[in-house]
Amino acid sequence: MEIKKTTIEGVLLIKQPVYQDARGYFMESWNQEMFNEALKKQIIFVQDNFSTSVHGVLRGLHYQYPNSQGKLVRVTRGVVHDVIVDIRRNSKTFGQNLIIELSSENNLQIWMPDGIAHGFLVTSESADFLYKVTSLYDKDSEHCIVWNDEDLRIPWPLHLLDGDPLVSEKDKLGLSFKEAIKF
């Protein structure tokens, strides 16, 4: 397992070795002991979430508060433009965003500790997205920062779409970064 720090405090990029031959490939996608050893703390995942989205779907920027979640995410099929925003007031990287292309080809995973808002845009025909989370979904803790917030100025690759992104009604009603609850 190869783990790299990113420009956002506490957010890690993880690459698992892939063993490939004429039959296909094998990858150990998750190993609790290696993950905890790399983070130097005990992380327990309690729920896996899976989504399938078509080209142009934009999800996020989602987070839970006060019942926050750490997340380990990856794409199992397709390609997404993944966006992470640090909403932890005491973080050195508060208000900064990080953009990483996740795909079934690069097999990258991103670890996000509590206090990160997350979203993605599907740039392939469709994409399957897997989330491992550290606390159960709590509807009353669910929050969203609007994807096109004027202060965050996230450079979504909208030029790759035929029109506007497909955004849920709930996500269209997301708060601005200024209005959003921060950690």
N, C-alpha and C. Protein backbone atom coordinates (compact mmCIF):
# COMPACT_ATOMS: atom_id res chain seq x y z
N MET A 1 0.84 -1.17 0.00
CA MET A 1 0.00 0.00 0.00
C MET A 1 0.89 1.24 0.00
N GLU A 2 0.61 2.14 -0.94
CA GLU A 2 1.35 3.40 -1.03
C GLU A 2 0.42 4.52 -0.57
N ILE A 3 0.86 5.29 0.42
CA ILE A 3 0.05 6.37 0.97
C ILE A 3 0.81 7.68 0.82
N LYS A 4 0.12 8.69 0.26
CA LYS A 4 0.74 10.01 0.09
C LYS A 4 -0.13 11.06 0.76
N LYS A 5 0.54 12.01 1.41
CA LYS A 5 -0.17 13.16 1.94
C LYS A 5 -0.60 14.04 0.78
N THR A 6 -1.67 14.78 0.98
CA THR A 6 -2.15 15.72 -0.04
C THR A 6 -1.97 17.14 0.49
N THR A 7 -2.43 18.10 -0.26
CA THR A 7 -2.33 19.49 0.16
C THR A 7 -3.35 19.85 1.24
N ILE A 8 -4.32 18.99 1.50
CA ILE A 8 -5.31 19.22 2.56
C ILE A 8 -4.89 18.41 3.78
N GLU A 9 -4.78 19.08 4.90
CA GLU A 9 -4.34 18.46 6.15
C GLU A 9 -5.18 17.22 6.49
N GLY A 10 -4.51 16.08 6.66
CA GLY A 10 -5.17 14.84 7.06
C GLY A 10 -5.79 14.03 5.94
N VAL A 11 -5.87 14.59 4.74
CA VAL A 11 -6.43 13.86 3.60
C VAL A 11 -5.30 13.10 2.91
N LEU A 12 -5.53 11.81 2.68
CA LEU A 12 -4.49 10.95 2.13
C LEU A 12 -4.93 10.32 0.81
N LEU A 13 -3.99 10.14 -0.07
CA LEU A 13 -4.20 9.44 -1.34
C LEU A 13 -3.58 8.06 -1.19
N ILE A 14 -4.35 7.03 -1.49
CA ILE A 14 -3.91 5.65 -1.27
C ILE A 14 -3.93 4.90 -2.58
N LYS A 15 -2.85 4.18 -2.83
CA LYS A 15 -2.73 3.35 -4.04
C LYS A 15 -2.37 1.95 -3.60
N GLN A 16 -3.22 1.00 -3.95
CA GLN A 16 -2.97 -0.40 -3.64
C GLN A 16 -2.25 -1.05 -4.82
N PRO A 17 -1.35 -1.98 -4.57
CA PRO A 17 -0.71 -2.69 -5.69
C PRO A 17 -1.73 -3.52 -6.46
N VAL A 18 -1.57 -3.53 -7.77
CA VAL A 18 -2.44 -4.30 -8.66
C VAL A 18 -1.59 -5.37 -9.32
N TYR A 19 -2.06 -6.60 -9.27
CA TYR A 19 -1.37 -7.73 -9.88
C TYR A 19 -2.15 -8.14 -11.11
N GLN A 20 -1.52 -7.96 -12.28
CA GLN A 20 -2.23 -8.15 -13.54
C GLN A 20 -1.53 -9.19 -14.41
N ASP A 21 -2.35 -9.99 -15.10
CA ASP A 21 -1.81 -10.92 -16.10
C ASP A 21 -2.88 -11.10 -17.18
N ALA A 22 -2.72 -12.08 -18.01
CA ALA A 22 -3.62 -12.29 -19.14
C ALA A 22 -5.06 -12.56 -18.71
N ARG A 23 -5.27 -13.03 -17.48
CA ARG A 23 -6.62 -13.34 -16.99
C ARG A 23 -7.38 -12.11 -16.51
N GLY A 24 -6.64 -11.05 -16.19
CA GLY A 24 -7.25 -9.86 -15.59
C GLY A 24 -6.34 -9.33 -14.50
N TYR A 25 -6.93 -8.86 -13.40
CA TYR A 25 -6.09 -8.37 -12.31
C TYR A 25 -6.70 -8.69 -10.95
N PHE A 26 -5.84 -8.58 -9.92
CA PHE A 26 -6.23 -8.76 -8.54
C PHE A 26 -5.70 -7.58 -7.76
N MET A 27 -6.52 -7.04 -6.86
CA MET A 27 -6.12 -5.95 -5.99
C MET A 27 -6.76 -6.15 -4.63
N GLU A 28 -5.97 -6.08 -3.58
CA GLU A 28 -6.54 -6.08 -2.23
C GLU A 28 -7.01 -4.66 -1.98
N SER A 29 -8.32 -4.43 -2.02
CA SER A 29 -8.86 -3.08 -1.95
C SER A 29 -8.93 -2.53 -0.53
N TRP A 30 -8.91 -3.40 0.46
CA TRP A 30 -9.03 -2.94 1.83
C TRP A 30 -8.33 -3.88 2.78
N ASN A 31 -7.54 -3.32 3.72
CA ASN A 31 -6.88 -4.10 4.76
C ASN A 31 -6.86 -3.24 6.02
N GLN A 32 -7.69 -3.57 6.99
CA GLN A 32 -7.86 -2.79 8.22
C GLN A 32 -6.53 -2.58 8.95
N GLU A 33 -5.77 -3.64 9.11
CA GLU A 33 -4.51 -3.55 9.86
C GLU A 33 -3.52 -2.61 9.18
N MET A 34 -3.35 -2.75 7.88
CA MET A 34 -2.40 -1.88 7.15
C MET A 34 -2.86 -0.42 7.17
N PHE A 35 -4.16 -0.20 7.03
CA PHE A 35 -4.70 1.15 7.03
C PHE A 35 -4.46 1.83 8.38
N ASN A 36 -4.81 1.15 9.48
CA ASN A 36 -4.63 1.72 10.81
C ASN A 36 -3.15 1.95 11.12
N GLU A 37 -2.31 1.04 10.68
CA GLU A 37 -0.87 1.21 10.89
C GLU A 37 -0.36 2.44 10.13
N ALA A 38 -0.83 2.63 8.92
CA ALA A 38 -0.41 3.78 8.11
C ALA A 38 -0.89 5.10 8.73
N LEU A 39 -2.11 5.12 9.27
CA LEU A 39 -2.65 6.33 9.89
C LEU A 39 -2.16 6.52 11.32
N LYS A 40 -1.61 5.48 11.88
CA LYS A 40 -1.13 5.48 13.26
C LYS A 40 -2.27 5.78 14.25
N LYS A 41 -3.45 5.29 13.90
CA LYS A 41 -4.59 5.35 14.81
C LYS A 41 -5.64 4.34 14.35
N GLN A 42 -6.55 4.03 15.26
CA GLN A 42 -7.57 3.03 15.00
C GLN A 42 -8.76 3.69 14.30
N ILE A 43 -9.03 3.26 13.08
CA ILE A 43 -10.20 3.71 12.33
C ILE A 43 -11.10 2.50 12.13
N ILE A 44 -12.37 2.67 12.44
CA ILE A 44 -13.33 1.59 12.25
C ILE A 44 -14.41 2.08 11.29
N PHE A 45 -14.62 1.32 10.23
CA PHE A 45 -15.69 1.64 9.29
C PHE A 45 -16.93 0.86 9.68
N VAL A 46 -18.09 1.55 9.68
CA VAL A 46 -19.33 0.92 10.13
C VAL A 46 -20.37 0.79 9.03
N GLN A 47 -20.11 1.38 7.87
CA GLN A 47 -21.10 1.34 6.80
C GLN A 47 -20.38 1.52 5.47
N ASP A 48 -20.82 0.78 4.46
CA ASP A 48 -20.36 0.99 3.09
C ASP A 48 -21.53 1.55 2.30
N ASN A 49 -21.25 2.55 1.46
CA ASN A 49 -22.26 3.14 0.58
C ASN A 49 -21.77 2.97 -0.85
N PHE A 50 -22.71 2.78 -1.76
CA PHE A 50 -22.37 2.56 -3.16
C PHE A 50 -23.33 3.36 -4.02
N SER A 51 -22.80 4.09 -4.99
CA SER A 51 -23.68 4.81 -5.91
C SER A 51 -23.26 4.56 -7.34
N THR A 52 -24.24 4.59 -8.23
CA THR A 52 -24.01 4.56 -9.66
C THR A 52 -24.58 5.85 -10.22
N SER A 53 -23.81 6.53 -11.05
CA SER A 53 -24.24 7.80 -11.62
C SER A 53 -23.89 7.85 -13.10
N VAL A 54 -24.73 8.54 -13.86
CA VAL A 54 -24.48 8.68 -15.29
C VAL A 54 -23.62 9.92 -15.57
N HIS A 55 -23.15 10.00 -16.80
CA HIS A 55 -22.32 11.12 -17.24
C HIS A 55 -22.99 12.45 -16.89
N GLY A 56 -22.21 13.35 -16.31
CA GLY A 56 -22.71 14.69 -16.00
C GLY A 56 -23.34 14.85 -14.64
N VAL A 57 -23.51 13.76 -13.88
CA VAL A 57 -24.06 13.87 -12.53
C VAL A 57 -23.02 14.52 -11.63
N LEU A 58 -23.49 15.51 -10.87
CA LEU A 58 -22.64 16.18 -9.88
C LEU A 58 -23.30 15.98 -8.53
N ARG A 59 -22.56 15.36 -7.62
CA ARG A 59 -23.07 15.11 -6.27
C ARG A 59 -22.24 15.92 -5.28
N GLY A 60 -22.93 16.59 -4.34
CA GLY A 60 -22.20 17.28 -3.28
C GLY A 60 -22.35 18.79 -3.38
N LEU A 61 -21.69 19.37 -2.47
CA LEU A 61 -20.62 18.98 -1.55
C LEU A 61 -21.24 18.56 -0.21
N HIS A 62 -21.16 17.29 0.13
CA HIS A 62 -21.86 16.71 1.27
C HIS A 62 -20.95 16.55 2.49
N TYR A 63 -21.59 16.64 3.66
CA TYR A 63 -20.93 16.30 4.92
C TYR A 63 -21.99 16.10 5.99
N GLN A 64 -21.60 15.50 7.11
CA GLN A 64 -22.49 15.32 8.25
C GLN A 64 -21.94 16.09 9.44
N TYR A 65 -22.83 16.75 10.17
CA TYR A 65 -22.48 17.43 11.41
C TYR A 65 -23.74 17.54 12.25
N PRO A 66 -23.73 17.16 13.53
CA PRO A 66 -22.58 16.82 14.34
C PRO A 66 -22.13 15.36 14.25
N ASN A 67 -22.97 14.50 13.73
CA ASN A 67 -22.60 13.08 13.62
C ASN A 67 -21.71 12.91 12.38
N SER A 68 -20.48 13.37 12.49
CA SER A 68 -19.58 13.44 11.33
C SER A 68 -19.06 12.06 10.91
N GLN A 69 -18.55 12.03 9.68
CA GLN A 69 -18.03 10.78 9.12
C GLN A 69 -16.65 10.99 8.52
N GLY A 70 -15.73 10.08 8.83
CA GLY A 70 -14.52 9.94 8.04
C GLY A 70 -14.90 9.06 6.87
N LYS A 71 -14.26 9.27 5.70
CA LYS A 71 -14.63 8.50 4.51
C LYS A 71 -13.39 8.01 3.78
N LEU A 72 -13.48 6.79 3.30
CA LEU A 72 -12.51 6.24 2.37
C LEU A 72 -13.29 5.97 1.09
N VAL A 73 -12.91 6.64 -0.01
CA VAL A 73 -13.70 6.56 -1.24
C VAL A 73 -12.85 6.08 -2.40
N ARG A 74 -13.55 5.43 -3.36
CA ARG A 74 -12.89 5.01 -4.59
C ARG A 74 -13.93 4.75 -5.66
N VAL A 75 -13.49 4.78 -6.91
CA VAL A 75 -14.34 4.48 -8.06
C VAL A 75 -14.03 3.06 -8.50
N THR A 76 -15.07 2.25 -8.65
CA THR A 76 -14.88 0.87 -9.08
C THR A 76 -15.13 0.68 -10.57
N ARG A 77 -15.82 1.67 -11.19
CA ARG A 77 -16.04 1.65 -12.64
C ARG A 77 -16.25 3.08 -13.09
N GLY A 78 -15.52 3.50 -14.11
CA GLY A 78 -15.70 4.84 -14.66
C GLY A 78 -14.68 5.84 -14.15
N VAL A 79 -15.01 7.14 -14.34
CA VAL A 79 -14.10 8.22 -13.99
C VAL A 79 -14.90 9.36 -13.35
N VAL A 80 -14.38 9.90 -12.25
CA VAL A 80 -15.00 11.08 -11.63
C VAL A 80 -13.94 12.13 -11.33
N HIS A 81 -14.40 13.35 -11.30
CA HIS A 81 -13.63 14.52 -10.89
C HIS A 81 -14.01 14.71 -9.42
N ASP A 82 -13.16 14.27 -8.51
CA ASP A 82 -13.48 14.25 -7.09
C ASP A 82 -13.01 15.53 -6.41
N VAL A 83 -13.87 16.11 -5.57
CA VAL A 83 -13.58 17.39 -4.93
C VAL A 83 -13.73 17.27 -3.41
N ILE A 84 -12.73 17.78 -2.72
CA ILE A 84 -12.69 17.77 -1.26
C ILE A 84 -12.51 19.20 -0.79
N VAL A 85 -13.30 19.62 0.22
CA VAL A 85 -13.18 20.97 0.78
C VAL A 85 -13.01 20.84 2.29
N ASP A 86 -11.98 21.47 2.82
CA ASP A 86 -11.70 21.45 4.25
C ASP A 86 -12.61 22.47 4.94
N ILE A 87 -13.50 21.99 5.83
CA ILE A 87 -14.39 22.89 6.55
C ILE A 87 -14.10 22.88 8.06
N ARG A 88 -12.87 22.53 8.42
CA ARG A 88 -12.44 22.52 9.83
C ARG A 88 -11.80 23.86 10.14
N ARG A 89 -12.46 24.66 10.97
CA ARG A 89 -11.98 26.02 11.28
C ARG A 89 -10.54 26.06 11.79
N ASN A 90 -10.13 25.06 12.56
CA ASN A 90 -8.79 25.07 13.15
C ASN A 90 -7.73 24.41 12.27
N SER A 91 -8.10 24.03 11.08
CA SER A 91 -7.15 23.39 10.17
C SER A 91 -6.32 24.45 9.44
N LYS A 92 -5.07 24.12 9.18
CA LYS A 92 -4.19 25.01 8.41
C LYS A 92 -4.69 25.17 6.98
N THR A 93 -5.51 24.21 6.51
CA THR A 93 -5.99 24.24 5.12
C THR A 93 -7.49 24.57 5.04
N PHE A 94 -8.04 25.21 6.08
CA PHE A 94 -9.46 25.57 6.13
C PHE A 94 -9.84 26.35 4.87
N GLY A 95 -10.95 25.93 4.23
CA GLY A 95 -11.47 26.62 3.06
C GLY A 95 -10.80 26.24 1.75
N GLN A 96 -9.76 25.44 1.82
CA GLN A 96 -9.07 25.03 0.60
C GLN A 96 -9.75 23.79 0.01
N ASN A 97 -9.58 23.63 -1.31
CA ASN A 97 -10.13 22.44 -1.94
C ASN A 97 -9.03 21.65 -2.63
N LEU A 98 -9.33 20.41 -2.88
CA LEU A 98 -8.42 19.47 -3.54
C LEU A 98 -9.23 18.72 -4.58
N ILE A 99 -8.66 18.60 -5.76
CA ILE A 99 -9.34 17.91 -6.85
C ILE A 99 -8.46 16.76 -7.32
N ILE A 100 -9.06 15.58 -7.39
CA ILE A 100 -8.33 14.38 -7.81
C ILE A 100 -9.21 13.59 -8.76
N GLU A 101 -8.64 13.11 -9.85
CA GLU A 101 -9.39 12.22 -10.74
C GLU A 101 -9.31 10.82 -10.16
N LEU A 102 -10.47 10.25 -9.88
CA LEU A 102 -10.56 8.87 -9.42
C LEU A 102 -11.15 8.05 -10.56
N SER A 103 -10.57 6.88 -10.80
CA SER A 103 -11.08 6.03 -11.87
C SER A 103 -10.83 4.57 -11.57
N SER A 104 -11.51 3.73 -12.33
CA SER A 104 -11.28 2.29 -12.22
C SER A 104 -9.94 1.92 -12.84
N GLU A 105 -9.36 2.82 -13.60
CA GLU A 105 -8.04 2.58 -14.19
C GLU A 105 -6.91 2.90 -13.21
N ASN A 106 -7.01 4.04 -12.50
CA ASN A 106 -5.91 4.40 -11.60
C ASN A 106 -6.04 3.78 -10.21
N ASN A 107 -7.22 3.24 -9.87
CA ASN A 107 -7.45 2.55 -8.59
C ASN A 107 -7.04 3.36 -7.36
N LEU A 108 -7.11 4.68 -7.44
CA LEU A 108 -6.76 5.51 -6.29
C LEU A 108 -7.92 5.54 -5.30
N GLN A 109 -7.55 5.68 -4.02
CA GLN A 109 -8.52 5.85 -2.95
C GLN A 109 -8.15 7.12 -2.20
N ILE A 110 -9.16 7.78 -1.64
CA ILE A 110 -8.92 8.98 -0.85
C ILE A 110 -9.47 8.77 0.55
N TRP A 111 -8.63 9.03 1.56
CA TRP A 111 -9.08 9.04 2.94
C TRP A 111 -9.35 10.49 3.33
N MET A 112 -10.56 10.74 3.84
CA MET A 112 -10.97 12.06 4.32
C MET A 112 -11.39 11.94 5.78
N PRO A 113 -10.70 12.62 6.69
CA PRO A 113 -11.14 12.59 8.09
C PRO A 113 -12.42 13.41 8.27
N ASP A 114 -12.99 13.38 9.45
CA ASP A 114 -14.15 14.22 9.77
C ASP A 114 -13.82 15.67 9.44
N GLY A 115 -14.83 16.41 9.01
CA GLY A 115 -14.63 17.83 8.76
C GLY A 115 -14.31 18.18 7.33
N ILE A 116 -14.61 17.26 6.44
CA ILE A 116 -14.35 17.48 5.01
C ILE A 116 -15.69 17.40 4.27
N ALA A 117 -15.95 18.40 3.42
CA ALA A 117 -17.11 18.33 2.52
C ALA A 117 -16.62 17.67 1.23
N HIS A 118 -17.47 16.85 0.63
CA HIS A 118 -17.05 16.03 -0.50
C HIS A 118 -18.09 16.03 -1.61
N GLY A 119 -17.60 16.03 -2.84
CA GLY A 119 -18.48 15.93 -3.99
C GLY A 119 -17.73 15.39 -5.19
N PHE A 120 -18.46 15.05 -6.24
CA PHE A 120 -17.80 14.59 -7.46
C PHE A 120 -18.68 14.82 -8.68
N LEU A 121 -18.02 14.89 -9.84
CA LEU A 121 -18.67 15.03 -11.13
C LEU A 121 -18.27 13.83 -11.98
N VAL A 122 -19.24 13.14 -12.54
CA VAL A 122 -18.96 11.98 -13.39
C VAL A 122 -18.59 12.47 -14.78
N THR A 123 -17.37 12.11 -15.21
CA THR A 123 -16.89 12.55 -16.53
C THR A 123 -16.86 11.40 -17.55
N SER A 124 -17.09 10.17 -17.12
CA SER A 124 -17.20 9.03 -18.04
C SER A 124 -18.68 8.80 -18.34
N GLU A 125 -18.98 7.80 -19.15
CA GLU A 125 -20.37 7.49 -19.51
C GLU A 125 -21.21 7.23 -18.26
N SER A 126 -20.64 6.57 -17.28
CA SER A 126 -21.24 6.36 -15.97
C SER A 126 -20.11 5.99 -15.01
N ALA A 127 -20.42 5.96 -13.72
CA ALA A 127 -19.40 5.62 -12.72
C ALA A 127 -20.05 4.97 -11.52
N ASP A 128 -19.34 4.00 -10.95
CA ASP A 128 -19.72 3.35 -9.70
C ASP A 128 -18.77 3.85 -8.63
N PHE A 129 -19.32 4.31 -7.50
CA PHE A 129 -18.54 4.96 -6.46
C PHE A 129 -18.78 4.25 -5.14
N LEU A 130 -17.71 3.89 -4.43
CA LEU A 130 -17.80 3.18 -3.16
C LEU A 130 -17.26 4.04 -2.03
N TYR A 131 -18.04 4.16 -0.96
CA TYR A 131 -17.65 4.92 0.23
C TYR A 131 -17.61 3.98 1.42
N LYS A 132 -16.54 4.00 2.19
CA LYS A 132 -16.50 3.36 3.50
C LYS A 132 -16.57 4.51 4.49
N VAL A 133 -17.47 4.47 5.48
CA VAL A 133 -17.64 5.58 6.40
C VAL A 133 -17.51 5.13 7.86
N THR A 134 -17.11 6.08 8.72
CA THR A 134 -16.81 5.77 10.11
C THR A 134 -18.00 5.94 11.06
N SER A 135 -19.10 6.48 10.57
CA SER A 135 -20.31 6.53 11.39
C SER A 135 -21.52 6.34 10.47
N LEU A 136 -22.60 5.91 11.06
CA LEU A 136 -23.80 5.63 10.28
C LEU A 136 -24.41 6.91 9.73
N TYR A 137 -25.13 6.78 8.62
CA TYR A 137 -25.84 7.90 8.04
C TYR A 137 -26.85 8.43 9.05
N ASP A 138 -26.89 9.74 9.19
CA ASP A 138 -27.83 10.40 10.10
C ASP A 138 -28.49 11.55 9.35
N LYS A 139 -29.73 11.37 8.97
CA LYS A 139 -30.45 12.38 8.18
C LYS A 139 -30.41 13.75 8.82
N ASP A 140 -30.51 13.81 10.15
CA ASP A 140 -30.52 15.10 10.84
C ASP A 140 -29.16 15.79 10.85
N SER A 141 -28.12 15.05 10.55
CA SER A 141 -26.76 15.62 10.50
C SER A 141 -26.31 15.94 9.08
N GLU A 142 -27.15 15.64 8.09
CA GLU A 142 -26.78 15.81 6.69
C GLU A 142 -26.79 17.29 6.29
N HIS A 143 -25.70 17.71 5.62
CA HIS A 143 -25.57 19.09 5.15
C HIS A 143 -24.95 19.11 3.77
N CYS A 144 -25.14 20.23 3.08
CA CYS A 144 -24.59 20.37 1.73
C CYS A 144 -24.17 21.82 1.50
N ILE A 145 -22.99 21.98 0.94
CA ILE A 145 -22.53 23.27 0.44
C ILE A 145 -22.77 23.24 -1.06
N VAL A 146 -23.35 24.30 -1.58
CA VAL A 146 -23.68 24.33 -3.00
C VAL A 146 -22.42 24.16 -3.85
N TRP A 147 -22.53 23.37 -4.88
CA TRP A 147 -21.38 22.97 -5.69
C TRP A 147 -20.69 24.13 -6.39
N ASN A 148 -21.43 25.19 -6.71
CA ASN A 148 -20.87 26.31 -7.45
C ASN A 148 -20.71 27.55 -6.58
N ASP A 149 -20.35 27.35 -5.33
CA ASP A 149 -20.18 28.44 -4.37
C ASP A 149 -19.20 29.49 -4.90
N GLU A 150 -19.58 30.75 -4.80
CA GLU A 150 -18.77 31.85 -5.32
C GLU A 150 -17.44 32.00 -4.60
N ASP A 151 -17.40 31.72 -3.31
CA ASP A 151 -16.16 31.88 -2.55
C ASP A 151 -15.19 30.72 -2.77
N LEU A 152 -15.71 29.50 -2.91
CA LEU A 152 -14.83 28.35 -3.09
C LEU A 152 -14.23 28.30 -4.50
N ARG A 153 -14.99 28.74 -5.49
CA ARG A 153 -14.51 28.79 -6.89
C ARG A 153 -13.88 27.47 -7.34
N ILE A 154 -14.58 26.40 -7.16
CA ILE A 154 -14.08 25.08 -7.54
C ILE A 154 -14.06 24.97 -9.07
N PRO A 155 -12.94 24.59 -9.64
CA PRO A 155 -12.85 24.49 -11.11
C PRO A 155 -13.40 23.16 -11.65
N TRP A 156 -14.71 23.02 -11.62
CA TRP A 156 -15.35 21.83 -12.17
C TRP A 156 -15.11 21.81 -13.68
N PRO A 157 -14.81 20.66 -14.26
CA PRO A 157 -14.56 20.58 -15.71
C PRO A 157 -15.86 20.51 -16.52
N LEU A 158 -16.64 21.57 -16.44
CA LEU A 158 -17.95 21.60 -17.10
C LEU A 158 -17.83 21.54 -18.62
N HIS A 159 -16.64 21.86 -19.14
CA HIS A 159 -16.41 21.79 -20.58
C HIS A 159 -16.51 20.35 -21.11
N LEU A 160 -16.44 19.37 -20.20
CA LEU A 160 -16.55 17.97 -20.60
C LEU A 160 -18.01 17.51 -20.73
N LEU A 161 -18.94 18.38 -20.40
CA LEU A 161 -20.37 18.04 -20.43
C LEU A 161 -21.03 18.62 -21.68
N ASP A 162 -22.16 18.04 -22.04
CA ASP A 162 -22.94 18.54 -23.16
C ASP A 162 -23.82 19.72 -22.77
N GLY A 163 -24.02 19.90 -21.49
CA GLY A 163 -24.88 20.98 -20.98
C GLY A 163 -24.54 21.22 -19.53
N ASP A 164 -25.54 21.57 -18.74
CA ASP A 164 -25.35 21.78 -17.32
C ASP A 164 -25.21 20.44 -16.59
N PRO A 165 -24.52 20.43 -15.44
CA PRO A 165 -24.43 19.18 -14.68
C PRO A 165 -25.81 18.77 -14.16
N LEU A 166 -25.99 17.47 -13.94
CA LEU A 166 -27.22 16.93 -13.36
C LEU A 166 -27.07 16.95 -11.85
N VAL A 167 -27.80 17.83 -11.20
CA VAL A 167 -27.68 18.05 -9.76
C VAL A 167 -29.03 17.79 -9.12
N SER A 168 -29.06 17.07 -8.00
CA SER A 168 -30.33 16.79 -7.32
C SER A 168 -30.94 18.09 -6.81
N GLU A 169 -32.25 18.07 -6.63
CA GLU A 169 -32.95 19.24 -6.09
C GLU A 169 -32.40 19.60 -4.71
N LYS A 170 -32.11 18.58 -3.91
CA LYS A 170 -31.57 18.81 -2.57
C LYS A 170 -30.21 19.50 -2.65
N ASP A 171 -29.35 19.06 -3.57
CA ASP A 171 -28.02 19.67 -3.70
C ASP A 171 -28.09 21.08 -4.27
N LYS A 172 -29.08 21.36 -5.09
CA LYS A 172 -29.25 22.72 -5.62
C LYS A 172 -29.56 23.71 -4.49
N LEU A 173 -30.13 23.20 -3.39
CA LEU A 173 -30.48 24.03 -2.25
C LEU A 173 -29.36 24.11 -1.20
N GLY A 174 -28.18 23.61 -1.56
CA GLY A 174 -27.05 23.66 -0.63
C GLY A 174 -26.74 25.08 -0.20
N LEU A 175 -26.17 25.20 0.99
CA LEU A 175 -25.81 26.51 1.52
C LEU A 175 -24.52 27.01 0.90
N SER A 176 -24.28 28.30 1.02
CA SER A 176 -22.99 28.85 0.60
C SER A 176 -21.95 28.43 1.63
N PHE A 177 -20.68 28.54 1.25
CA PHE A 177 -19.60 28.22 2.19
C PHE A 177 -19.69 29.12 3.41
N LYS A 178 -20.03 30.39 3.23
CA LYS A 178 -20.14 31.34 4.35
C LYS A 178 -21.23 30.92 5.31
N GLU A 179 -22.35 30.40 4.79
CA GLU A 179 -23.51 30.02 5.62
C GLU A 179 -23.36 28.64 6.24
N ALA A 180 -22.55 27.79 5.67
CA ALA A 180 -22.47 26.39 6.07
C ALA A 180 -21.93 26.23 7.49
N ILE A 181 -22.42 25.18 8.15
CA ILE A 181 -21.90 24.82 9.47
C ILE A 181 -20.47 24.34 9.29
N LYS A 182 -19.56 24.84 10.11
CA LYS A 182 -18.15 24.43 10.04
C LYS A 182 -17.81 23.64 11.30
N PHE A 183 -16.77 22.86 11.23
CA PHE A 183 -16.32 22.05 12.36
C PHE A 183 -15.46 22.86 13.30
